[in-house]
Amino acid sequence: MANRIDASRKAPRGVAFTLLELLIVIAVIAILACLIIGGIASARDSAHKTACASNLRQLALSLQMYVNDSKDYPPLYSYPWRNGGKMWFDDLQPYTHQSWTNPLYLCPSYAGPPTTAGTVSDAGFQQPVGSYGYNIGGVGANWSQQDLGLGGGVNMVHPQIIGTHEPRVRVSDDMIALGDAYAADNSGRIWPDHGVVGINFRGINSGLTDQANKRHHGKLNIVFCDGHTLAPKVQALLFNHSDEALRRWNNDHEPHRELLSP
């Protein structure tokens, strides 16, 4: 009897799935894959943002050391160009030990063209392209005649750039010094105007925000003269016209609303 029973037993069948069950399994796997990929992308973006903020803090520390030694902020560039032609980042090199083409000046989330050094000659000036910029002119424009930023002013009697004296910065913990550049070229890539970060309400347009929003999930890292960093949203940094927002661009800590374009 036992032998008969054993012989009558059939081998177990393999596990079978219906088409609906297969579709459900595939959907679950796809959802899990999206979550994992999204998590990896988010972690990568957070790491890029942190690395960028670290770069700016190092630059701010170098800027502070420069100011402590010279009692002035570095001018945008030396003038006339044939007498040296150094840019603001060249003045910081004794403290950073880095040049414009080194990683310290490159945000990992930068979507623009490769960083290139500016060249200075009797014939003219080639703008350096990179991911960070210097607050040279406050809210008035890239180059404010009122010398509201940190980049200095032009002495037309004796052609030279006059650096911004340290005492002119009235509130160092509320004065933007450096930050992510936000302009865009014709191909839509982000680049700065000769290493400048600023409001420049006379030239900026909302179309640039599409490219700027791709950095740090729609935020731009900035660092203040006292060395602390913030990451405000693009709209809050570039298009907020409140007095509180405008003051932080100007060394006299006044909004200078009269300089905004109509």
C-alpha atoms as a PDB file:
ATOM      1  CA  MET A   1       0.000   0.000   0.000  1.00  0.00           C
ATOM      2  CA  ALA A   2       2.765   2.437   0.985  1.00  0.00           C
ATOM      3  CA  ASN A   3       4.620   1.751  -2.222  1.00  0.00           C
ATOM      4  CA  ARG A   4       1.456   2.319  -4.172  1.00  0.00           C
ATOM      5  CA  ILE A   5       0.848   5.640  -2.467  1.00  0.00           C
ATOM      6  CA  ASP A   6       4.406   6.787  -3.035  1.00  0.00           C
ATOM      7  CA  ALA A   7       4.201   5.874  -6.674  1.00  0.00           C
ATOM      8  CA  SER A   8       0.994   7.789  -7.091  1.00  0.00           C
ATOM      9  CA  ARG A   9       2.420  10.991  -5.757  1.00  0.00           C
ATOM     10  CA  LYS A  10       3.179  13.565  -8.404  1.00  0.00           C
ATOM     11  CA  ALA A  11       6.136  15.969  -8.451  1.00  0.00           C
ATOM     12  CA  PRO A  12       5.130  19.430  -7.182  1.00  0.00           C
ATOM     13  CA  ARG A  13       4.386  21.929  -9.871  1.00  0.00           C
ATOM     14  CA  GLY A  14       6.461  25.111 -10.249  1.00  0.00           C
ATOM     15  CA  VAL A  15       5.045  28.357  -8.875  1.00  0.00           C
ATOM     16  CA  ALA A  16       2.957  30.011 -11.572  1.00  0.00           C
ATOM     17  CA  PHE A  17       2.022  33.717 -11.817  1.00  0.00           C
ATOM     18  CA  THR A  18      -0.900  35.196 -13.572  1.00  0.00           C
ATOM     19  CA  LEU A  19      -0.360  38.124 -15.937  1.00  0.00           C
ATOM     20  CA  LEU A  20      -1.869  40.476 -13.373  1.00  0.00           C
ATOM     21  CA  GLU A  21       0.515  39.265 -10.685  1.00  0.00           C
ATOM     22  CA  LEU A  22       3.499  39.775 -13.006  1.00  0.00           C
ATOM     23  CA  LEU A  23       2.382  43.312 -13.784  1.00  0.00           C
ATOM     24  CA  ILE A  24       2.021  44.077 -10.079  1.00  0.00           C
ATOM     25  CA  VAL A  25       5.528  42.742  -9.354  1.00  0.00           C
ATOM     26  CA  ILE A  26       7.003  44.784 -12.222  1.00  0.00           C
ATOM     27  CA  ALA A  27       5.213  47.922 -10.977  1.00  0.00           C
ATOM     28  CA  VAL A  28       6.513  47.427  -7.431  1.00  0.00           C
ATOM     29  CA  ILE A  29      10.061  46.940  -8.705  1.00  0.00           C
ATOM     30  CA  ALA A  30       9.772  50.096 -10.843  1.00  0.00           C
ATOM     31  CA  ILE A  31       8.530  52.118  -7.856  1.00  0.00           C
ATOM     32  CA  LEU A  32      11.359  50.859  -5.661  1.00  0.00           C
ATOM     33  CA  ALA A  33      13.890  51.655  -8.397  1.00  0.00           C
ATOM     34  CA  CYS A  34      12.536  55.210  -8.689  1.00  0.00           C
ATOM     35  CA  LEU A  35      12.751  55.691  -4.935  1.00  0.00           C
ATOM     36  CA  ILE A  36      16.312  54.420  -4.835  1.00  0.00           C
ATOM     37  CA  ILE A  37      17.406  56.529  -7.814  1.00  0.00           C
ATOM     38  CA  GLY A  38      15.645  59.588  -6.376  1.00  0.00           C
ATOM     39  CA  GLY A  39      17.324  59.041  -3.038  1.00  0.00           C
ATOM     40  CA  ILE A  40      20.731  58.745  -4.682  1.00  0.00           C
ATOM     41  CA  ALA A  41      20.122  61.917  -6.720  1.00  0.00           C
ATOM     42  CA  SER A  42      18.969  63.803  -3.636  1.00  0.00           C
ATOM     43  CA  ALA A  43      22.007  62.668  -1.664  1.00  0.00           C
ATOM     44  CA  ARG A  44      24.276  63.691  -4.530  1.00  0.00           C
ATOM     45  CA  ASP A  45      22.674  67.131  -4.787  1.00  0.00           C
ATOM     46  CA  SER A  46      22.955  67.622  -1.026  1.00  0.00           C
ATOM     47  CA  ALA A  47      26.633  66.674  -1.179  1.00  0.00           C
ATOM     48  CA  HIS A  48      27.178  69.148  -4.030  1.00  0.00           C
ATOM     49  CA  LYS A  49      25.448  71.908  -2.084  1.00  0.00           C
ATOM     50  CA  THR A  50      27.579  71.182   0.987  1.00  0.00           C
ATOM     51  CA  ALA A  51      30.793  71.149  -1.063  1.00  0.00           C
ATOM     52  CA  CYS A  52      29.816  74.434  -2.706  1.00  0.00           C
ATOM     53  CA  ALA A  53      29.106  76.068   0.659  1.00  0.00           C
ATOM     54  CA  SER A  54      32.465  74.797   1.918  1.00  0.00           C
ATOM     55  CA  ASN A  55      34.227  76.395  -1.073  1.00  0.00           C
ATOM     56  CA  LEU A  56      32.559  79.710  -0.368  1.00  0.00           C
ATOM     57  CA  ARG A  57      33.435  79.578   3.335  1.00  0.00           C
ATOM     58  CA  GLN A  58      37.087  79.031   2.415  1.00  0.00           C
ATOM     59  CA  LEU A  59      36.948  81.951   0.014  1.00  0.00           C
ATOM     60  CA  ALA A  60      35.307  84.111   2.674  1.00  0.00           C
ATOM     61  CA  LEU A  61      38.047  83.213   5.158  1.00  0.00           C
ATOM     62  CA  SER A  62      40.679  84.153   2.580  1.00  0.00           C
ATOM     63  CA  LEU A  63      38.813  87.394   1.913  1.00  0.00           C
ATOM     64  CA  GLN A  64      38.816  88.207   5.630  1.00  0.00           C
ATOM     65  CA  MET A  65      42.558  87.585   5.855  1.00  0.00           C
ATOM     66  CA  TYR A  66      43.148  89.809   2.845  1.00  0.00           C
ATOM     67  CA  VAL A  67      41.062  92.593   4.388  1.00  0.00           C
ATOM     68  CA  ASN A  68      42.836  92.248   7.736  1.00  0.00           C
ATOM     69  CA  ASP A  69      46.172  92.720   6.003  1.00  0.00           C
ATOM     70  CA  SER A  70      45.289  95.409   3.466  1.00  0.00           C
ATOM     71  CA  LYS A  71      42.345  97.168   5.189  1.00  0.00           C
ATOM     72  CA  ASP A  72      40.617  97.133   1.785  1.00  0.00           C
ATOM     73  CA  TYR A  73      38.501  94.643  -0.118  1.00  0.00           C
ATOM     74  CA  PRO A  74      40.097  93.398  -3.338  1.00  0.00           C
ATOM     75  CA  PRO A  75      38.991  95.424  -6.361  1.00  0.00           C
ATOM     76  CA  LEU A  76      37.315  93.669  -9.253  1.00  0.00           C
ATOM     77  CA  TYR A  77      40.491  94.040 -11.279  1.00  0.00           C
ATOM     78  CA  SER A  78      43.523  96.306 -11.371  1.00  0.00           C
ATOM     79  CA  TYR A  79      43.430  99.192 -13.809  1.00  0.00           C
ATOM     80  CA  PRO A  80      44.821  99.999 -16.299  1.00  0.00           C
ATOM     81  CA  TRP A  81      45.089  96.425 -17.496  1.00  0.00           C
ATOM     82  CA  ARG A  82      48.600  96.777 -18.885  1.00  0.00           C
ATOM     83  CA  ASN A  83      49.897  97.408 -15.346  1.00  0.00           C
ATOM     84  CA  GLY A  84      49.267  93.927 -14.070  1.00  0.00           C
ATOM     85  CA  GLY A  85      45.597  93.265 -14.653  1.00  0.00           C
ATOM     86  CA  LYS A  86      44.941  91.121 -11.598  1.00  0.00           C
ATOM     87  CA  MET A  87      41.394  90.041 -10.801  1.00  0.00           C
ATOM     88  CA  TRP A  88      39.885  89.871  -7.300  1.00  0.00           C
ATOM     89  CA  PHE A  89      40.626  86.148  -7.057  1.00  0.00           C
ATOM     90  CA  ASP A  90      44.273  86.783  -7.910  1.00  0.00           C
ATOM     91  CA  ASP A  91      44.514  89.017  -4.844  1.00  0.00           C
ATOM     92  CA  LEU A  92      43.217  86.136  -2.727  1.00  0.00           C
ATOM     93  CA  GLN A  93      45.697  83.601  -4.091  1.00  0.00           C
ATOM     94  CA  PRO A  94      48.343  84.167  -1.356  1.00  0.00           C
ATOM     95  CA  TYR A  95      45.665  83.035   1.121  1.00  0.00           C
ATOM     96  CA  THR A  96      43.832  80.381  -0.902  1.00  0.00           C
ATOM     97  CA  HIS A  97      46.891  78.972  -2.707  1.00  0.00           C
ATOM     98  CA  GLN A  98      44.400  78.321  -5.495  1.00  0.00           C
ATOM     99  CA  SER A  99      43.968  79.856  -8.929  1.00  0.00           C
ATOM    100  CA  TRP A 100      40.727  80.554 -10.822  1.00  0.00           C
ATOM    101  CA  THR A 101      40.964  77.216 -12.611  1.00  0.00           C
ATOM    102  CA  ASN A 102      41.339  75.132  -9.433  1.00  0.00           C
ATOM    103  CA  PRO A 103      38.461  73.194  -7.790  1.00  0.00           C
ATOM    104  CA  LEU A 104      38.029  75.774  -5.027  1.00  0.00           C
ATOM    105  CA  TYR A 105      36.373  78.063  -7.572  1.00  0.00           C
ATOM    106  CA  LEU A 106      34.176  75.379  -9.139  1.00  0.00           C
ATOM    107  CA  CYS A 107      30.762  74.488  -7.724  1.00  0.00           C
ATOM    108  CA  PRO A 108      30.038  70.758  -8.287  1.00  0.00           C
ATOM    109  CA  SER A 109      26.547  71.711  -9.525  1.00  0.00           C
ATOM    110  CA  TYR A 110      27.847  74.290 -11.986  1.00  0.00           C
ATOM    111  CA  ALA A 111      26.197  73.774 -15.381  1.00  0.00           C
ATOM    112  CA  GLY A 112      28.137  76.302 -17.381  1.00  0.00           C
ATOM    113  CA  PRO A 113      31.154  76.155 -19.669  1.00  0.00           C
ATOM    114  CA  PRO A 114      34.558  75.090 -18.321  1.00  0.00           C
ATOM    115  CA  THR A 115      36.209  77.514 -15.958  1.00  0.00           C
ATOM    116  CA  THR A 116      38.742  79.628 -17.826  1.00  0.00           C
ATOM    117  CA  ALA A 117      41.086  82.320 -16.640  1.00  0.00           C
ATOM    118  CA  GLY A 118      40.704  85.885 -17.795  1.00  0.00           C
ATOM    119  CA  THR A 119      43.501  87.298 -19.907  1.00  0.00           C
ATOM    120  CA  VAL A 120      44.599  90.900 -19.656  1.00  0.00           C
ATOM    121  CA  SER A 121      46.438  92.791 -22.380  1.00  0.00           C
ATOM    122  CA  ASP A 122      46.785  96.217 -23.956  1.00  0.00           C
ATOM    123  CA  ALA A 123      44.097  95.228 -26.455  1.00  0.00           C
ATOM    124  CA  GLY A 124      41.433  94.604 -23.868  1.00  0.00           C
ATOM    125  CA  PHE A 125      40.054  92.303 -21.259  1.00  0.00           C
ATOM    126  CA  GLN A 126      38.728  88.768 -21.631  1.00  0.00           C
ATOM    127  CA  GLN A 127      36.161  87.902 -19.003  1.00  0.00           C
ATOM    128  CA  PRO A 128      36.896  84.848 -16.866  1.00  0.00           C
ATOM    129  CA  VAL A 129      34.090  82.295 -16.791  1.00  0.00           C
ATOM    130  CA  GLY A 130      33.332  80.235 -13.717  1.00  0.00           C
ATOM    131  CA  SER A 131      30.745  79.251 -11.178  1.00  0.00           C
ATOM    132  CA  TYR A 132      31.312  81.869  -8.463  1.00  0.00           C
ATOM    133  CA  GLY A 133      31.044  85.628  -8.474  1.00  0.00           C
ATOM    134  CA  TYR A 134      31.992  88.660  -6.386  1.00  0.00           C
ATOM    135  CA  ASN A 135      29.510  91.326  -5.245  1.00  0.00           C
ATOM    136  CA  ILE A 136      31.177  94.253  -6.956  1.00  0.00           C
ATOM    137  CA  GLY A 137      28.428  96.833  -7.420  1.00  0.00           C
ATOM    138  CA  GLY A 138      25.529  96.340  -5.031  1.00  0.00           C
ATOM    139  CA  VAL A 139      22.032  96.844  -6.411  1.00  0.00           C
ATOM    140  CA  GLY A 140      22.856  99.588  -8.914  1.00  0.00           C
ATOM    141  CA  ALA A 141      24.244  97.370 -11.668  1.00  0.00           C
ATOM    142  CA  ASN A 142      27.276  95.190 -12.300  1.00  0.00           C
ATOM    143  CA  TRP A 143      29.381  98.315 -11.894  1.00  0.00           C
ATOM    144  CA  SER A 144      27.767 100.907  -9.685  1.00  0.00           C
ATOM    145  CA  GLN A 145      29.080 104.456  -9.970  1.00  0.00           C
ATOM    146  CA  GLN A 146      28.256 104.866  -6.297  1.00  0.00           C
ATOM    147  CA  ASP A 147      30.678 102.081  -5.291  1.00  0.00           C
ATOM    148  CA  LEU A 148      28.049 100.233  -3.273  1.00  0.00           C
ATOM    149  CA  GLY A 149      29.503  96.753  -3.525  1.00  0.00           C
ATOM    150  CA  LEU A 150      32.981  95.454  -2.725  1.00  0.00           C
ATOM    151  CA  GLY A 151      34.679  95.797  -6.110  1.00  0.00           C
ATOM    152  CA  GLY A 152      35.810  99.399  -5.727  1.00  0.00           C
ATOM    153  CA  GLY A 153      35.399 102.425  -7.958  1.00  0.00           C
ATOM    154  CA  VAL A 154      37.276 103.944 -10.866  1.00  0.00           C
ATOM    155  CA  ASN A 155      39.405 107.043 -10.297  1.00  0.00           C
ATOM    156  CA  MET A 156      39.145 108.830 -13.639  1.00  0.00           C
ATOM    157  CA  VAL A 157      41.762 111.470 -12.758  1.00  0.00           C
ATOM    158  CA  HIS A 158      44.458 108.884 -12.117  1.00  0.00           C
ATOM    159  CA  PRO A 159      43.070 105.799 -13.907  1.00  0.00           C
ATOM    160  CA  GLN A 160      42.994 103.051 -11.343  1.00  0.00           C
ATOM    161  CA  ILE A 161      40.553 101.009  -9.339  1.00  0.00           C
ATOM    162  CA  ILE A 162      40.142 102.310  -5.789  1.00  0.00           C
ATOM    163  CA  GLY A 163      39.424  99.426  -3.439  1.00  0.00           C
ATOM    164  CA  THR A 164      36.510  99.498  -1.009  1.00  0.00           C
ATOM    165  CA  HIS A 165      37.902 100.430   2.398  1.00  0.00           C
ATOM    166  CA  GLU A 166      36.994  98.083   5.221  1.00  0.00           C
ATOM    167  CA  PRO A 167      35.103 100.712   7.307  1.00  0.00           C
ATOM    168  CA  ARG A 168      32.721 101.312   4.404  1.00  0.00           C
ATOM    169  CA  VAL A 169      31.107  97.942   5.046  1.00  0.00           C
ATOM    170  CA  ARG A 170      28.835  98.991   7.890  1.00  0.00           C
ATOM    171  CA  VAL A 171      27.228  95.607   8.659  1.00  0.00           C
ATOM    172  CA  SER A 172      29.581  92.790   7.703  1.00  0.00           C
ATOM    173  CA  ASP A 173      27.198  90.032   8.792  1.00  0.00           C
ATOM    174  CA  ASP A 174      24.522  91.377   6.416  1.00  0.00           C
ATOM    175  CA  MET A 175      26.697  92.212   3.385  1.00  0.00           C
ATOM    176  CA  ILE A 176      26.899  89.677   0.558  1.00  0.00           C
ATOM    177  CA  ALA A 177      30.490  89.079  -0.514  1.00  0.00           C
ATOM    178  CA  LEU A 178      30.514  86.059  -2.831  1.00  0.00           C
ATOM    179  CA  GLY A 179      28.098  83.536  -4.223  1.00  0.00           C
ATOM    180  CA  ASP A 180      26.912  81.248  -6.991  1.00  0.00           C
ATOM    181  CA  ALA A 181      26.913  83.012 -10.350  1.00  0.00           C
ATOM    182  CA  TYR A 182      23.547  83.046 -12.054  1.00  0.00           C
ATOM    183  CA  ALA A 183      23.739  84.563 -15.536  1.00  0.00           C
ATOM    184  CA  ALA A 184      23.204  82.504 -18.714  1.00  0.00           C
ATOM    185  CA  ASP A 185      24.727  82.556 -22.170  1.00  0.00           C
ATOM    186  CA  ASN A 186      22.927  81.953 -25.465  1.00  0.00           C
ATOM    187  CA  SER A 187      23.079  78.185 -25.046  1.00  0.00           C
ATOM    188  CA  GLY A 188      21.251  78.424 -21.720  1.00  0.00           C
ATOM    189  CA  ARG A 189      24.221  77.483 -19.570  1.00  0.00           C
ATOM    190  CA  ILE A 190      24.956  79.360 -16.360  1.00  0.00           C
ATOM    191  CA  TRP A 191      27.952  81.660 -16.299  1.00  0.00           C
ATOM    192  CA  PRO A 192      28.959  84.829 -14.437  1.00  0.00           C
ATOM    193  CA  ASP A 193      29.656  88.264 -15.816  1.00  0.00           C
ATOM    194  CA  HIS A 194      33.440  88.462 -15.291  1.00  0.00           C
ATOM    195  CA  GLY A 195      33.263  86.740 -11.928  1.00  0.00           C
ATOM    196  CA  VAL A 196      30.441  88.896 -10.631  1.00  0.00           C
ATOM    197  CA  VAL A 197      27.438  88.095  -8.497  1.00  0.00           C
ATOM    198  CA  GLY A 198      24.915  90.869  -8.015  1.00  0.00           C
ATOM    199  CA  ILE A 199      21.365  92.000  -8.456  1.00  0.00           C
ATOM    200  CA  ASN A 200      21.879  94.124 -11.587  1.00  0.00           C
ATOM    201  CA  PHE A 201      18.170  94.874 -11.952  1.00  0.00           C
ATOM    202  CA  ARG A 202      18.930  96.816 -15.130  1.00  0.00           C
ATOM    203  CA  GLY A 203      19.959  93.692 -16.986  1.00  0.00           C
ATOM    204  CA  ILE A 204      18.586  90.582 -15.328  1.00  0.00           C
ATOM    205  CA  ASN A 205      15.469  88.928 -16.669  1.00  0.00           C
ATOM    206  CA  SER A 206      13.225  86.131 -15.480  1.00  0.00           C
ATOM    207  CA  GLY A 207      14.416  83.809 -18.238  1.00  0.00           C
ATOM    208  CA  LEU A 208      17.697  83.332 -16.382  1.00  0.00           C
ATOM    209  CA  THR A 209      15.933  81.761 -13.425  1.00  0.00           C
ATOM    210  CA  ASP A 210      15.204  78.575 -15.357  1.00  0.00           C
ATOM    211  CA  GLN A 211      18.926  77.843 -15.486  1.00  0.00           C
ATOM    212  CA  ALA A 212      19.677  79.149 -12.002  1.00  0.00           C
ATOM    213  CA  ASN A 213      16.941  76.917 -10.585  1.00  0.00           C
ATOM    214  CA  LYS A 214      18.880  73.854 -11.716  1.00  0.00           C
ATOM    215  CA  ARG A 215      21.549  74.512  -9.100  1.00  0.00           C
ATOM    216  CA  HIS A 216      20.947  73.220  -5.580  1.00  0.00           C
ATOM    217  CA  HIS A 217      17.232  72.591  -6.159  1.00  0.00           C
ATOM    218  CA  GLY A 218      16.437  76.213  -6.962  1.00  0.00           C
ATOM    219  CA  LYS A 219      18.745  77.775  -4.382  1.00  0.00           C
ATOM    220  CA  LEU A 220      21.979  79.733  -4.690  1.00  0.00           C
ATOM    221  CA  ASN A 221      24.724  79.624  -2.081  1.00  0.00           C
ATOM    222  CA  ILE A 222      25.980  82.996  -0.895  1.00  0.00           C
ATOM    223  CA  VAL A 223      28.535  83.974   1.729  1.00  0.00           C
ATOM    224  CA  PHE A 224      28.637  87.193   3.748  1.00  0.00           C
ATOM    225  CA  CYS A 225      31.592  89.356   4.694  1.00  0.00           C
ATOM    226  CA  ASP A 226      31.689  87.847   8.184  1.00  0.00           C
ATOM    227  CA  GLY A 227      32.009  84.337   6.692  1.00  0.00           C
ATOM    228  CA  HIS A 228      28.577  82.797   7.280  1.00  0.00           C
ATOM    229  CA  THR A 229      26.695  81.213   4.386  1.00  0.00           C
ATOM    230  CA  LEU A 230      23.067  81.042   3.328  1.00  0.00           C
ATOM    231  CA  ALA A 231      21.234  79.285   0.506  1.00  0.00           C
ATOM    232  CA  PRO A 232      18.189  81.413  -0.363  1.00  0.00           C
ATOM    233  CA  LYS A 233      15.874  80.507  -3.205  1.00  0.00           C
ATOM    234  CA  VAL A 234      16.616  82.097  -6.560  1.00  0.00           C
ATOM    235  CA  GLN A 235      13.532  84.289  -6.434  1.00  0.00           C
ATOM    236  CA  ALA A 236      14.308  85.459  -2.888  1.00  0.00           C
ATOM    237  CA  LEU A 237      17.896  86.339  -3.760  1.00  0.00           C
ATOM    238  CA  LEU A 238      17.505  87.948  -7.175  1.00  0.00           C
ATOM    239  CA  PHE A 239      13.964  89.272  -7.323  1.00  0.00           C
ATOM    240  CA  ASN A 240      13.106  90.310  -3.765  1.00  0.00           C
ATOM    241  CA  HIS A 241      12.804  94.106  -3.791  1.00  0.00           C
ATOM    242  CA  SER A 242      12.148  94.588  -0.097  1.00  0.00           C
ATOM    243  CA  ASP A 243      14.405  96.990   1.801  1.00  0.00           C
ATOM    244  CA  GLU A 244      15.671  94.128   3.946  1.00  0.00           C
ATOM    245  CA  ALA A 245      16.723  92.142   0.886  1.00  0.00           C
ATOM    246  CA  LEU A 246      18.296  95.100  -0.925  1.00  0.00           C
ATOM    247  CA  ARG A 247      20.374  96.319   2.033  1.00  0.00           C
ATOM    248  CA  ARG A 248      22.501  93.186   2.082  1.00  0.00           C
ATOM    249  CA  TRP A 249      23.956  94.028  -1.339  1.00  0.00           C
ATOM    250  CA  ASN A 250      25.212  97.517  -0.386  1.00  0.00           C
ATOM    251  CA  ASN A 251      28.170  98.401   1.800  1.00  0.00           C
ATOM    252  CA  ASP A 252      26.332 101.357   3.385  1.00  0.00           C
ATOM    253  CA  HIS A 253      23.474  98.997   4.347  1.00  0.00           C
ATOM    254  CA  GLU A 254      20.885 101.185   2.641  1.00  0.00           C
ATOM    255  CA  PRO A 255      18.408  99.758   0.110  1.00  0.00           C
ATOM    256  CA  HIS A 256      19.036 102.353  -2.631  1.00  0.00           C
ATOM    257  CA  ARG A 257      15.702 101.635  -4.202  1.00  0.00           C
ATOM    258  CA  GLU A 258      16.250 104.633  -6.495  1.00  0.00           C
ATOM    259  CA  LEU A 259      18.784 102.575  -8.448  1.00  0.00           C
ATOM    260  CA  LEU A 260      16.304  99.882  -9.438  1.00  0.00           C
ATOM    261  CA  SER A 261      15.209  99.820 -13.034  1.00  0.00           C
ATOM    262  CA  PRO A 262      11.621 100.973 -13.692  1.00  0.00           C
END
